[in-house]
Structure formats: C-alpha cells, structure tokens
PDB file of all heavy atoms in Angstrom:
ATOM      1  N   GLY A   1       8.099  -5.627   3.124  1.00  0.00           N
ATOM      2  CA  GLY A   1       9.060  -6.472   2.442  1.00  0.00           C
ATOM      3  C   GLY A   1       8.431  -7.128   1.229  1.00  0.00           C
ATOM      4  O   GLY A   1       7.310  -6.781   0.829  1.00  0.00           O
ATOM      5  N   PRO A   2       9.114  -8.085   0.626  1.00  0.00           N
ATOM      6  CA  PRO A   2       8.607  -8.737  -0.587  1.00  0.00           C
ATOM      7  C   PRO A   2       7.218  -9.353  -0.445  1.00  0.00           C
ATOM      8  O   PRO A   2       6.369  -9.192  -1.323  1.00  0.00           O
ATOM      9  CB  PRO A   2       9.662  -9.815  -0.863  1.00  0.00           C
ATOM     10  CG  PRO A   2      10.915  -9.263  -0.261  1.00  0.00           C
ATOM     11  CD  PRO A   2      10.476  -8.545   0.965  1.00  0.00           C
ATOM     12  N   LYS A   3       6.957 -10.072   0.659  1.00  0.00           N
ATOM     13  CA  LYS A   3       5.656 -10.726   0.831  1.00  0.00           C
ATOM     14  C   LYS A   3       4.521  -9.711   0.961  1.00  0.00           C
ATOM     15  O   LYS A   3       3.472  -9.836   0.336  1.00  0.00           O
ATOM     16  CB  LYS A   3       5.678 -11.647   2.049  1.00  0.00           C
ATOM     17  CG  LYS A   3       6.553 -12.882   1.873  1.00  0.00           C
ATOM     18  CD  LYS A   3       6.471 -13.789   3.093  1.00  0.00           C
ATOM     19  CE  LYS A   3       7.320 -15.043   2.893  1.00  0.00           C
ATOM     20  NZ  LYS A   3       7.273 -15.932   4.090  1.00  0.00           N
ATOM     21  N   THR A   4       4.754  -8.690   1.786  1.00  0.00           N
ATOM     22  CA  THR A   4       3.734  -7.661   1.965  1.00  0.00           C
ATOM     23  C   THR A   4       3.517  -6.876   0.681  1.00  0.00           C
ATOM     24  O   THR A   4       2.390  -6.548   0.313  1.00  0.00           O
ATOM     25  CB  THR A   4       4.132  -6.694   3.095  1.00  0.00           C
ATOM     26  OG1 THR A   4       4.300  -7.438   4.303  1.00  0.00           O
ATOM     27  CG2 THR A   4       3.058  -5.636   3.306  1.00  0.00           C
ATOM     28  N   ALA A   5       4.613  -6.580  -0.022  1.00  0.00           N
ATOM     29  CA  ALA A   5       4.507  -5.840  -1.284  1.00  0.00           C
ATOM     30  C   ALA A   5       3.656  -6.608  -2.290  1.00  0.00           C
ATOM     31  O   ALA A   5       2.805  -6.030  -2.979  1.00  0.00           O
ATOM     32  CB  ALA A   5       5.891  -5.583  -1.859  1.00  0.00           C
ATOM     33  N   ALA A   6       3.863  -7.919  -2.371  1.00  0.00           N
ATOM     34  CA  ALA A   6       3.083  -8.743  -3.298  1.00  0.00           C
ATOM     35  C   ALA A   6       1.604  -8.711  -2.945  1.00  0.00           C
ATOM     36  O   ALA A   6       0.736  -8.612  -3.828  1.00  0.00           O
ATOM     37  CB  ALA A   6       3.601 -10.179  -3.284  1.00  0.00           C
ATOM     38  N   LEU A   7       1.292  -8.752  -1.653  1.00  0.00           N
ATOM     39  CA  LEU A   7      -0.109  -8.694  -1.215  1.00  0.00           C
ATOM     40  C   LEU A   7      -0.734  -7.335  -1.517  1.00  0.00           C
ATOM     41  O   LEU A   7      -1.883  -7.240  -1.959  1.00  0.00           O
ATOM     42  CB  LEU A   7      -0.199  -8.984   0.287  1.00  0.00           C
ATOM     43  CG  LEU A   7       0.031 -10.442   0.712  1.00  0.00           C
ATOM     44  CD1 LEU A   7       0.142 -10.541   2.222  1.00  0.00           C
ATOM     45  CD2 LEU A   7      -1.098 -11.330   0.204  1.00  0.00           C
ATOM     46  N   LEU A   8       0.039  -6.275  -1.285  1.00  0.00           N
ATOM     47  CA  LEU A   8      -0.467  -4.926  -1.539  1.00  0.00           C
ATOM     48  C   LEU A   8      -0.757  -4.717  -3.025  1.00  0.00           C
ATOM     49  O   LEU A   8      -1.769  -4.122  -3.399  1.00  0.00           O
ATOM     50  CB  LEU A   8       0.538  -3.884  -1.047  1.00  0.00           C
ATOM     51  CG  LEU A   8       0.692  -3.780   0.470  1.00  0.00           C
ATOM     52  CD1 LEU A   8       1.864  -2.876   0.832  1.00  0.00           C
ATOM     53  CD2 LEU A   8      -0.592  -3.273   1.119  1.00  0.00           C
ATOM     54  N   VAL A   9       0.143  -5.204  -3.879  1.00  0.00           N
ATOM     55  CA  VAL A   9      -0.083  -5.101  -5.327  1.00  0.00           C
ATOM     56  C   VAL A   9      -1.337  -5.883  -5.711  1.00  0.00           C
ATOM     57  O   VAL A   9      -2.137  -5.439  -6.536  1.00  0.00           O
ATOM     58  CB  VAL A   9       1.146  -5.617  -6.101  1.00  0.00           C
ATOM     59  CG1 VAL A   9       0.831  -5.750  -7.588  1.00  0.00           C
ATOM     60  CG2 VAL A   9       2.327  -4.673  -5.911  1.00  0.00           C
ATOM     61  N   LYS A  10      -1.508  -7.049  -5.100  1.00  0.00           N
ATOM     62  CA  LYS A  10      -2.652  -7.915  -5.415  1.00  0.00           C
ATOM     63  C   LYS A  10      -3.986  -7.229  -5.119  1.00  0.00           C
ATOM     64  O   LYS A  10      -4.961  -7.414  -5.854  1.00  0.00           O
ATOM     65  CB  LYS A  10      -2.543  -9.216  -4.631  1.00  0.00           C
ATOM     66  CG  LYS A  10      -3.577 -10.260  -5.021  1.00  0.00           C
ATOM     67  CD  LYS A  10      -3.333 -11.568  -4.292  1.00  0.00           C
ATOM     68  CE  LYS A  10      -4.370 -12.611  -4.726  1.00  0.00           C
ATOM     69  NZ  LYS A  10      -4.132 -13.913  -4.034  1.00  0.00           N
ATOM     70  N   ILE A  11      -4.044  -6.414  -4.044  1.00  0.00           N
ATOM     71  CA  ILE A  11      -5.302  -5.752  -3.707  1.00  0.00           C
ATOM     72  C   ILE A  11      -5.465  -4.400  -4.392  1.00  0.00           C
ATOM     73  O   ILE A  11      -6.453  -3.699  -4.175  1.00  0.00           O
ATOM     74  CB  ILE A  11      -5.462  -5.581  -2.185  1.00  0.00           C
ATOM     75  CG1 ILE A  11      -4.393  -4.623  -1.633  1.00  0.00           C
ATOM     76  CG2 ILE A  11      -5.435  -6.922  -1.491  1.00  0.00           C
ATOM     77  CD1 ILE A  11      -4.656  -4.198  -0.212  1.00  0.00           C
ATOM     78  N   GLY A  12      -4.460  -4.018  -5.193  1.00  0.00           N
ATOM     79  CA  GLY A  12      -4.632  -2.821  -6.009  1.00  0.00           C
ATOM     80  C   GLY A  12      -3.808  -1.607  -5.662  1.00  0.00           C
ATOM     81  O   GLY A  12      -4.038  -0.520  -6.208  1.00  0.00           O
ATOM     82  N   VAL A  13      -2.838  -1.726  -4.765  1.00  0.00           N
ATOM     83  CA  VAL A  13      -1.963  -0.586  -4.468  1.00  0.00           C
ATOM     84  C   VAL A  13      -1.122  -0.298  -5.702  1.00  0.00           C
ATOM     85  O   VAL A  13      -0.388  -1.156  -6.182  1.00  0.00           O
ATOM     86  CB  VAL A  13      -1.057  -0.886  -3.256  1.00  0.00           C
ATOM     87  CG1 VAL A  13      -0.086   0.273  -3.025  1.00  0.00           C
ATOM     88  CG2 VAL A  13      -1.897  -1.112  -2.019  1.00  0.00           C
ATOM     89  N   ASP A  14      -1.248   0.916  -6.218  1.00  0.00           N
ATOM     90  CA  ASP A  14      -0.642   1.271  -7.503  1.00  0.00           C
ATOM     91  C   ASP A  14       0.432   2.333  -7.333  1.00  0.00           C
ATOM     92  O   ASP A  14       0.130   3.521  -7.202  1.00  0.00           O
ATOM     93  CB  ASP A  14      -1.731   1.759  -8.463  1.00  0.00           C
ATOM     94  CG  ASP A  14      -1.217   1.989  -9.870  1.00  0.00           C
ATOM     95  OD1 ASP A  14      -0.002   1.809 -10.089  1.00  0.00           O
ATOM     96  OD2 ASP A  14      -2.017   2.350 -10.747  1.00  0.00           O
ATOM     97  N   ALA A  15       1.691   1.910  -7.339  1.00  0.00           N
ATOM     98  CA  ALA A  15       2.805   2.839  -7.133  1.00  0.00           C
ATOM     99  C   ALA A  15       2.988   3.810  -8.289  1.00  0.00           C
ATOM    100  O   ALA A  15       3.735   4.781  -8.176  1.00  0.00           O
ATOM    101  CB  ALA A  15       4.097   2.061  -6.909  1.00  0.00           C
ATOM    102  N   SER A  16       2.311   3.560  -9.417  1.00  0.00           N
ATOM    103  CA  SER A  16       2.429   4.480 -10.551  1.00  0.00           C
ATOM    104  C   SER A  16       1.649   5.768 -10.313  1.00  0.00           C
ATOM    105  O   SER A  16       1.882   6.770 -10.982  1.00  0.00           O
ATOM    106  CB  SER A  16       1.940   3.811 -11.841  1.00  0.00           C
ATOM    107  OG  SER A  16       0.539   3.589 -11.798  1.00  0.00           O
ATOM    108  N   ALA A  17       0.717   5.738  -9.355  1.00  0.00           N
ATOM    109  CA  ALA A  17      -0.091   6.925  -9.055  1.00  0.00           C
ATOM    110  C   ALA A  17       0.751   7.969  -8.329  1.00  0.00           C
ATOM    111  O   ALA A  17       1.497   7.643  -7.411  1.00  0.00           O
ATOM    112  CB  ALA A  17      -1.292   6.533  -8.207  1.00  0.00           C
ATOM    113  N   VAL A  18       0.609   9.209  -8.755  1.00  0.00           N
ATOM    114  CA  VAL A  18       1.377  10.289  -8.130  1.00  0.00           C
ATOM    115  C   VAL A  18       0.905  10.521  -6.694  1.00  0.00           C
ATOM    116  O   VAL A  18       1.692  10.774  -5.792  1.00  0.00           O
ATOM    117  CB  VAL A  18       1.250  11.592  -8.947  1.00  0.00           C
ATOM    118  CG1 VAL A  18       1.986  12.732  -8.255  1.00  0.00           C
ATOM    119  CG2 VAL A  18       1.785  11.383 -10.354  1.00  0.00           C
ATOM    120  N   GLU A  19      -0.416  10.403  -6.471  1.00  0.00           N
ATOM    121  CA  GLU A  19      -0.999  10.607  -5.145  1.00  0.00           C
ATOM    122  C   GLU A  19      -1.412   9.272  -4.531  1.00  0.00           C
ATOM    123  O   GLU A  19      -1.850   8.368  -5.228  1.00  0.00           O
ATOM    124  CB  GLU A  19      -2.226  11.533  -5.239  1.00  0.00           C
ATOM    125  CG  GLU A  19      -1.930  12.916  -5.806  1.00  0.00           C
ATOM    126  CD  GLU A  19      -1.053  13.749  -4.884  1.00  0.00           C
ATOM    127  OE1 GLU A  19      -1.060  13.476  -3.662  1.00  0.00           O
ATOM    128  OE2 GLU A  19      -0.371  14.658  -5.376  1.00  0.00           O
ATOM    129  N   PHE A  20      -1.276   9.174  -3.220  1.00  0.00           N
ATOM    130  CA  PHE A  20      -1.668   7.962  -2.500  1.00  0.00           C
ATOM    131  C   PHE A  20      -3.188   7.779  -2.554  1.00  0.00           C
ATOM    132  O   PHE A  20      -3.937   8.730  -2.386  1.00  0.00           O
ATOM    133  CB  PHE A  20      -1.215   8.061  -1.046  1.00  0.00           C
ATOM    134  CG  PHE A  20      -1.675   6.921  -0.171  1.00  0.00           C
ATOM    135  CD1 PHE A  20      -1.020   5.703  -0.207  1.00  0.00           C
ATOM    136  CD2 PHE A  20      -2.761   7.073   0.671  1.00  0.00           C
ATOM    137  CE1 PHE A  20      -1.432   4.645   0.589  1.00  0.00           C
ATOM    138  CE2 PHE A  20      -3.187   6.030   1.481  1.00  0.00           C
ATOM    139  CZ  PHE A  20      -2.519   4.811   1.437  1.00  0.00           C
ATOM    140  N   ARG A  21      -3.624   6.542  -2.791  1.00  0.00           N
ATOM    141  CA  ARG A  21      -5.056   6.236  -2.812  1.00  0.00           C
ATOM    142  C   ARG A  21      -5.321   5.085  -1.855  1.00  0.00           C
ATOM    143  O   ARG A  21      -4.845   3.973  -2.050  1.00  0.00           O
ATOM    144  CB  ARG A  21      -5.498   5.849  -4.229  1.00  0.00           C
ATOM    145  CG  ARG A  21      -6.994   5.590  -4.366  1.00  0.00           C
ATOM    146  CD  ARG A  21      -7.378   5.504  -5.835  1.00  0.00           C
ATOM    147  NE  ARG A  21      -6.715   4.415  -6.517  1.00  0.00           N
ATOM    148  CZ  ARG A  21      -7.224   3.178  -6.617  1.00  0.00           C
ATOM    149  NH1 ARG A  21      -8.387   2.896  -6.061  1.00  0.00           N
ATOM    150  NH2 ARG A  21      -6.575   2.228  -7.270  1.00  0.00           N
ATOM    151  N   SER A  22      -6.090   5.368  -0.806  1.00  0.00           N
ATOM    152  CA  SER A  22      -6.370   4.364   0.209  1.00  0.00           C
ATOM    153  C   SER A  22      -7.336   3.310  -0.308  1.00  0.00           C
ATOM    154  O   SER A  22      -8.221   3.591  -1.120  1.00  0.00           O
ATOM    155  CB  SER A  22      -6.953   5.029   1.459  1.00  0.00           C
ATOM    156  OG  SER A  22      -7.211   4.065   2.453  1.00  0.00           O
ATOM    157  N   LEU A  23      -7.182   2.080   0.173  1.00  0.00           N
ATOM    158  CA  LEU A  23      -8.064   0.975  -0.194  1.00  0.00           C
ATOM    159  C   LEU A  23      -8.541   0.278   1.071  1.00  0.00           C
ATOM    160  O   LEU A  23      -7.771   0.090   2.016  1.00  0.00           O
ATOM    161  CB  LEU A  23      -7.326  -0.034  -1.086  1.00  0.00           C
ATOM    162  CG  LEU A  23      -6.910   0.479  -2.470  1.00  0.00           C
ATOM    163  CD1 LEU A  23      -5.955  -0.510  -3.123  1.00  0.00           C
ATOM    164  CD2 LEU A  23      -8.134   0.670  -3.354  1.00  0.00           C
ATOM    165  N   PRO A  24      -9.826  -0.125   1.136  1.00  0.00           N
ATOM    166  CA  PRO A  24     -10.392  -0.730   2.346  1.00  0.00           C
ATOM    167  C   PRO A  24      -9.645  -1.962   2.842  1.00  0.00           C
ATOM    168  O   PRO A  24      -9.574  -2.215   4.040  1.00  0.00           O
ATOM    169  CB  PRO A  24     -11.817  -1.105   1.906  1.00  0.00           C
ATOM    170  CG  PRO A  24     -12.115  -0.203   0.763  1.00  0.00           C
ATOM    171  CD  PRO A  24     -10.802  -0.005   0.058  1.00  0.00           C
ATOM    172  N   LEU A  25      -9.068  -2.754   1.926  1.00  0.00           N
ATOM    173  CA  LEU A  25      -8.443  -4.007   2.326  1.00  0.00           C
ATOM    174  C   LEU A  25      -7.021  -3.845   2.856  1.00  0.00           C
ATOM    175  O   LEU A  25      -6.426  -4.794   3.348  1.00  0.00           O
ATOM    176  CB  LEU A  25      -8.425  -4.984   1.141  1.00  0.00           C
ATOM    177  CG  LEU A  25      -9.770  -5.542   0.701  1.00  0.00           C
ATOM    178  CD1 LEU A  25      -9.585  -6.392  -0.554  1.00  0.00           C
ATOM    179  CD2 LEU A  25     -10.400  -6.378   1.800  1.00  0.00           C
ATOM    180  N   MET A  26      -6.468  -2.648   2.774  1.00  0.00           N
ATOM    181  CA  MET A  26      -5.065  -2.446   3.140  1.00  0.00           C
ATOM    182  C   MET A  26      -4.763  -2.864   4.575  1.00  0.00           C
ATOM    183  O   MET A  26      -3.805  -3.579   4.850  1.00  0.00           O
ATOM    184  CB  MET A  26      -4.678  -0.984   2.955  1.00  0.00           C
ATOM    185  CG  MET A  26      -4.362  -0.607   1.528  1.00  0.00           C
ATOM    186  SD  MET A  26      -3.735   1.070   1.465  1.00  0.00           S
ATOM    187  CE  MET A  26      -3.489   1.247  -0.291  1.00  0.00           C
ATOM    188  N   VAL A  27      -5.591  -2.407   5.520  1.00  0.00           N
ATOM    189  CA  VAL A  27      -5.325  -2.673   6.932  1.00  0.00           C
ATOM    190  C   VAL A  27      -5.376  -4.167   7.222  1.00  0.00           C
ATOM    191  O   VAL A  27      -4.631  -4.687   8.045  1.00  0.00           O
ATOM    192  CB  VAL A  27      -6.326  -1.916   7.821  1.00  0.00           C
ATOM    193  CG1 VAL A  27      -6.089  -2.231   9.289  1.00  0.00           C
ATOM    194  CG2 VAL A  27      -6.195  -0.419   7.589  1.00  0.00           C
ATOM    195  N   LYS A  28      -6.242  -4.888   6.512  1.00  0.00           N
ATOM    196  CA  LYS A  28      -6.330  -6.337   6.696  1.00  0.00           C
ATOM    197  C   LYS A  28      -5.060  -7.028   6.208  1.00  0.00           C
ATOM    198  O   LYS A  28      -4.656  -8.056   6.725  1.00  0.00           O
ATOM    199  CB  LYS A  28      -7.545  -6.887   5.941  1.00  0.00           C
ATOM    200  CG  LYS A  28      -8.887  -6.440   6.511  1.00  0.00           C
ATOM    201  CD  LYS A  28     -10.034  -7.085   5.752  1.00  0.00           C
ATOM    202  CE  LYS A  28     -11.380  -6.642   6.324  1.00  0.00           C
ATOM    203  NZ  LYS A  28     -12.508  -7.255   5.577  1.00  0.00           N
ATOM    204  N   VAL A  29      -4.443  -6.456   5.194  1.00  0.00           N
ATOM    205  CA  VAL A  29      -3.228  -7.057   4.638  1.00  0.00           C
ATOM    206  C   VAL A  29      -2.035  -6.815   5.551  1.00  0.00           C
ATOM    207  O   VAL A  29      -1.215  -7.693   5.778  1.00  0.00           O
ATOM    208  CB  VAL A  29      -2.943  -6.490   3.229  1.00  0.00           C
ATOM    209  CG1 VAL A  29      -1.581  -6.955   2.727  1.00  0.00           C
ATOM    210  CG2 VAL A  29      -4.024  -6.935   2.267  1.00  0.00           C
ATOM    211  N   HIS A  30      -1.937  -5.633   6.083  1.00  0.00           N
ATOM    212  CA  HIS A  30      -0.757  -5.289   6.877  1.00  0.00           C
ATOM    213  C   HIS A  30      -1.147  -4.237   7.914  1.00  0.00           C
ATOM    214  O   HIS A  30      -1.555  -3.131   7.548  1.00  0.00           O
ATOM    215  CB  HIS A  30       0.344  -4.751   5.964  1.00  0.00           C
ATOM    216  CG  HIS A  30       1.698  -4.766   6.601  1.00  0.00           C
ATOM    217  ND1 HIS A  30       2.060  -3.892   7.591  1.00  0.00           N
ATOM    218  CD2 HIS A  30       2.777  -5.568   6.399  1.00  0.00           C
ATOM    219  CE1 HIS A  30       3.316  -4.131   7.961  1.00  0.00           C
ATOM    220  NE2 HIS A  30       3.762  -5.148   7.255  1.00  0.00           N
ATOM    221  N   PRO A  31      -1.028  -4.531   9.206  1.00  0.00           N
ATOM    222  CA  PRO A  31      -1.453  -3.595  10.247  1.00  0.00           C
ATOM    223  C   PRO A  31      -0.646  -2.299  10.271  1.00  0.00           C
ATOM    224  O   PRO A  31      -1.098  -1.289  10.796  1.00  0.00           O
ATOM    225  CB  PRO A  31      -1.258  -4.397  11.553  1.00  0.00           C
ATOM    226  CG  PRO A  31      -0.230  -5.436  11.207  1.00  0.00           C
ATOM    227  CD  PRO A  31      -0.495  -5.780   9.768  1.00  0.00           C
ATOM    228  N   ARG A  32       0.564  -2.339   9.701  1.00  0.00           N
ATOM    229  CA  ARG A  32       1.392  -1.122   9.698  1.00  0.00           C
ATOM    230  C   ARG A  32       1.404  -0.457   8.325  1.00  0.00           C
ATOM    231  O   ARG A  32       2.359   0.205   7.960  1.00  0.00           O
ATOM    232  CB  ARG A  32       2.818  -1.482  10.110  1.00  0.00           C
ATOM    233  CG  ARG A  32       2.950  -1.883  11.571  1.00  0.00           C
ATOM    234  CD  ARG A  32       4.374  -2.277  11.895  1.00  0.00           C
ATOM    235  NE  ARG A  32       4.765  -3.499  11.223  1.00  0.00           N
ATOM    236  CZ  ARG A  32       6.011  -3.983  11.219  1.00  0.00           C
ATOM    237  NH1 ARG A  32       6.972  -3.306  11.827  1.00  0.00           N
ATOM    238  NH2 ARG A  32       6.303  -5.099  10.597  1.00  0.00           N
ATOM    239  N   VAL A  33       0.325  -0.622   7.596  1.00  0.00           N
ATOM    240  CA  VAL A  33       0.288  -0.122   6.230  1.00  0.00           C
ATOM    241  C   VAL A  33       0.065   1.387   6.152  1.00  0.00           C
ATOM    242  O   VAL A  33       0.275   1.999   5.125  1.00  0.00           O
ATOM    243  CB  VAL A  33      -0.805  -0.854   5.413  1.00  0.00           C
ATOM    244  CG1 VAL A  33      -2.178  -0.277   5.708  1.00  0.00           C
ATOM    245  CG2 VAL A  33      -0.499  -0.796   3.928  1.00  0.00           C
ATOM    246  N   ILE A  34      -0.351   1.982   7.256  1.00  0.00           N
ATOM    247  CA  ILE A  34      -0.589   3.427   7.281  1.00  0.00           C
ATOM    248  C   ILE A  34       0.631   4.230   6.830  1.00  0.00           C
ATOM    249  O   ILE A  34       0.510   5.216   6.124  1.00  0.00           O
ATOM    250  CB  ILE A  34      -1.045   3.888   8.685  1.00  0.00           C
ATOM    251  CG1 ILE A  34      -2.412   3.266   9.018  1.00  0.00           C
ATOM    252  CG2 ILE A  34      -1.152   5.406   8.751  1.00  0.00           C
ATOM    253  CD1 ILE A  34      -2.904   3.578  10.414  1.00  0.00           C
ATOM    254  N   PRO A  35       1.866   3.829   7.200  1.00  0.00           N
ATOM    255  CA  PRO A  35       3.039   4.582   6.739  1.00  0.00           C
ATOM    256  C   PRO A  35       3.173   4.680   5.217  1.00  0.00           C
ATOM    257  O   PRO A  35       3.951   5.491   4.734  1.00  0.00           O
ATOM    258  CB  PRO A  35       4.214   3.806   7.345  1.00  0.00           C
ATOM    259  CG  PRO A  35       3.655   3.161   8.560  1.00  0.00           C
ATOM    260  CD  PRO A  35       2.257   2.794   8.179  1.00  0.00           C
ATOM    261  N   LEU A  36       2.436   3.850   4.490  1.00  0.00           N
ATOM    262  CA  LEU A  36       2.492   3.962   3.031  1.00  0.00           C
ATOM    263  C   LEU A  36       2.218   5.385   2.575  1.00  0.00           C
ATOM    264  O   LEU A  36       2.888   5.910   1.701  1.00  0.00           O
ATOM    265  CB  LEU A  36       1.461   3.029   2.381  1.00  0.00           C
ATOM    266  CG  LEU A  36       1.845   1.569   2.119  1.00  0.00           C
ATOM    267  CD1 LEU A  36       0.696   0.867   1.422  1.00  0.00           C
ATOM    268  CD2 LEU A  36       3.106   1.469   1.295  1.00  0.00           C
ATOM    269  N   GLN A  37       1.197   6.001   3.171  1.00  0.00           N
ATOM    270  CA  GLN A  37       0.834   7.363   2.780  1.00  0.00           C
ATOM    271  C   GLN A  37       1.962   8.331   3.105  1.00  0.00           C
ATOM    272  O   GLN A  37       2.262   9.236   2.325  1.00  0.00           O
ATOM    273  CB  GLN A  37      -0.447   7.794   3.484  1.00  0.00           C
ATOM    274  CG  GLN A  37      -0.949   9.160   3.025  1.00  0.00           C
ATOM    275  CD  GLN A  37      -2.342   9.447   3.534  1.00  0.00           C
ATOM    276  OE1 GLN A  37      -2.918   8.654   4.274  1.00  0.00           O
ATOM    277  NE2 GLN A  37      -2.904  10.574   3.146  1.00  0.00           N
ATOM    278  N   GLN A  38       2.602   8.134   4.237  1.00  0.00           N
ATOM    279  CA  GLN A  38       3.685   9.027   4.655  1.00  0.00           C
ATOM    280  C   GLN A  38       4.897   8.917   3.725  1.00  0.00           C
ATOM    281  O   GLN A  38       5.633   9.881   3.535  1.00  0.00           O
ATOM    282  CB  GLN A  38       4.101   8.702   6.088  1.00  0.00           C
ATOM    283  CG  GLN A  38       2.974   8.853   7.098  1.00  0.00           C
ATOM    284  CD  GLN A  38       3.365   8.299   8.466  1.00  0.00           C
ATOM    285  OE1 GLN A  38       4.518   7.940   8.695  1.00  0.00           O
ATOM    286  NE2 GLN A  38       2.407   8.231   9.374  1.00  0.00           N
ATOM    287  N   HIS A  39       5.095   7.728   3.174  1.00  0.00           N
ATOM    288  CA  HIS A  39       6.278   7.485   2.342  1.00  0.00           C
ATOM    289  C   HIS A  39       5.931   7.380   0.855  1.00  0.00           C
ATOM    290  O   HIS A  39       6.756   6.910   0.075  1.00  0.00           O
ATOM    291  CB  HIS A  39       6.970   6.190   2.784  1.00  0.00           C
ATOM    292  CG  HIS A  39       7.473   6.226   4.193  1.00  0.00           C
ATOM    293  ND1 HIS A  39       8.628   6.886   4.557  1.00  0.00           N
ATOM    294  CD2 HIS A  39       6.961   5.704   5.333  1.00  0.00           C
ATOM    295  CE1 HIS A  39       8.815   6.755   5.859  1.00  0.00           C
ATOM    296  NE2 HIS A  39       7.828   6.040   6.350  1.00  0.00           N
ATOM    297  N   TRP A  40       4.739   7.815   0.490  1.00  0.00           N
ATOM    298  CA  TRP A  40       4.290   7.607  -0.889  1.00  0.00           C
ATOM    299  C   TRP A  40       5.179   8.286  -1.916  1.00  0.00           C
ATOM    300  O   TRP A  40       5.411   7.774  -3.004  1.00  0.00           O
ATOM    301  CB  TRP A  40       2.842   8.063  -1.081  1.00  0.00           C
ATOM    302  CG  TRP A  40       2.275   7.566  -2.368  1.00  0.00           C
ATOM    303  CD1 TRP A  40       2.041   8.266  -3.520  1.00  0.00           C
ATOM    304  CD2 TRP A  40       1.900   6.207  -2.649  1.00  0.00           C
ATOM    305  NE1 TRP A  40       1.539   7.446  -4.490  1.00  0.00           N
ATOM    306  CE2 TRP A  40       1.442   6.177  -3.983  1.00  0.00           C
ATOM    307  CE3 TRP A  40       1.909   5.028  -1.907  1.00  0.00           C
ATOM    308  CZ2 TRP A  40       1.006   4.998  -4.581  1.00  0.00           C
ATOM    309  CZ3 TRP A  40       1.470   3.865  -2.501  1.00  0.00           C
ATOM    310  CH2 TRP A  40       1.030   3.861  -3.828  1.00  0.00           C
ATOM    311  N   ARG A  41       5.695   9.445  -1.589  1.00  0.00           N
ATOM    312  CA  ARG A  41       6.567  10.153  -2.535  1.00  0.00           C
ATOM    313  C   ARG A  41       7.779   9.294  -2.887  1.00  0.00           C
ATOM    314  O   ARG A  41       8.154   9.178  -4.055  1.00  0.00           O
ATOM    315  CB  ARG A  41       7.019  11.484  -1.936  1.00  0.00           C
ATOM    316  CG  ARG A  41       7.929  12.279  -2.867  1.00  0.00           C
ATOM    317  CD  ARG A  41       8.305  13.617  -2.264  1.00  0.00           C
ATOM    318  NE  ARG A  41       9.222  14.346  -3.120  1.00  0.00           N
ATOM    319  CZ  ARG A  41       9.717  15.556  -2.820  1.00  0.00           C
ATOM    320  NH1 ARG A  41       9.369  16.147  -1.695  1.00  0.00           N
ATOM    321  NH2 ARG A  41      10.539  16.158  -3.648  1.00  0.00           N
ATOM    322  N   ASN A  42       8.393   8.661  -1.865  1.00  0.00           N
ATOM    323  CA  ASN A  42       9.556   7.799  -2.108  1.00  0.00           C
ATOM    324  C   ASN A  42       9.158   6.545  -2.890  1.00  0.00           C
ATOM    325  O   ASN A  42       9.914   6.070  -3.744  1.00  0.00           O
ATOM    326  CB  ASN A  42      10.193   7.399  -0.784  1.00  0.00           C
ATOM    327  CG  ASN A  42      10.824   8.574  -0.070  1.00  0.00           C
ATOM    328  OD1 ASN A  42      11.229   9.552  -0.701  1.00  0.00           O
ATOM    329  ND2 ASN A  42      10.911   8.496   1.241  1.00  0.00           N
TER     330      ASN A  42
END
C-alpha cells in the first residue's frame, strides 16, 4: 500500500527498471516483499 510503497522507494526500489533488482533491505521493510519479483511486469 502507500506506506510500504514509500518505504520501498526510499530504499531504492526502482519501478522504472525493466527487470527486478533485489535489495538487501527489502525484507526488513516488508516481510511479504518477495511477491514484488512475481509482479514486477505489472
């Protein structure tokens, strides 16, 4: 949601990238962040 999205952007998640790029801090920000890779195309 909005709060998680803001945190993800803050740590460097870049939706402009065509391919998903994992970052070490992602799991600390959101325990269910793994689905990001599955839904990256969308």
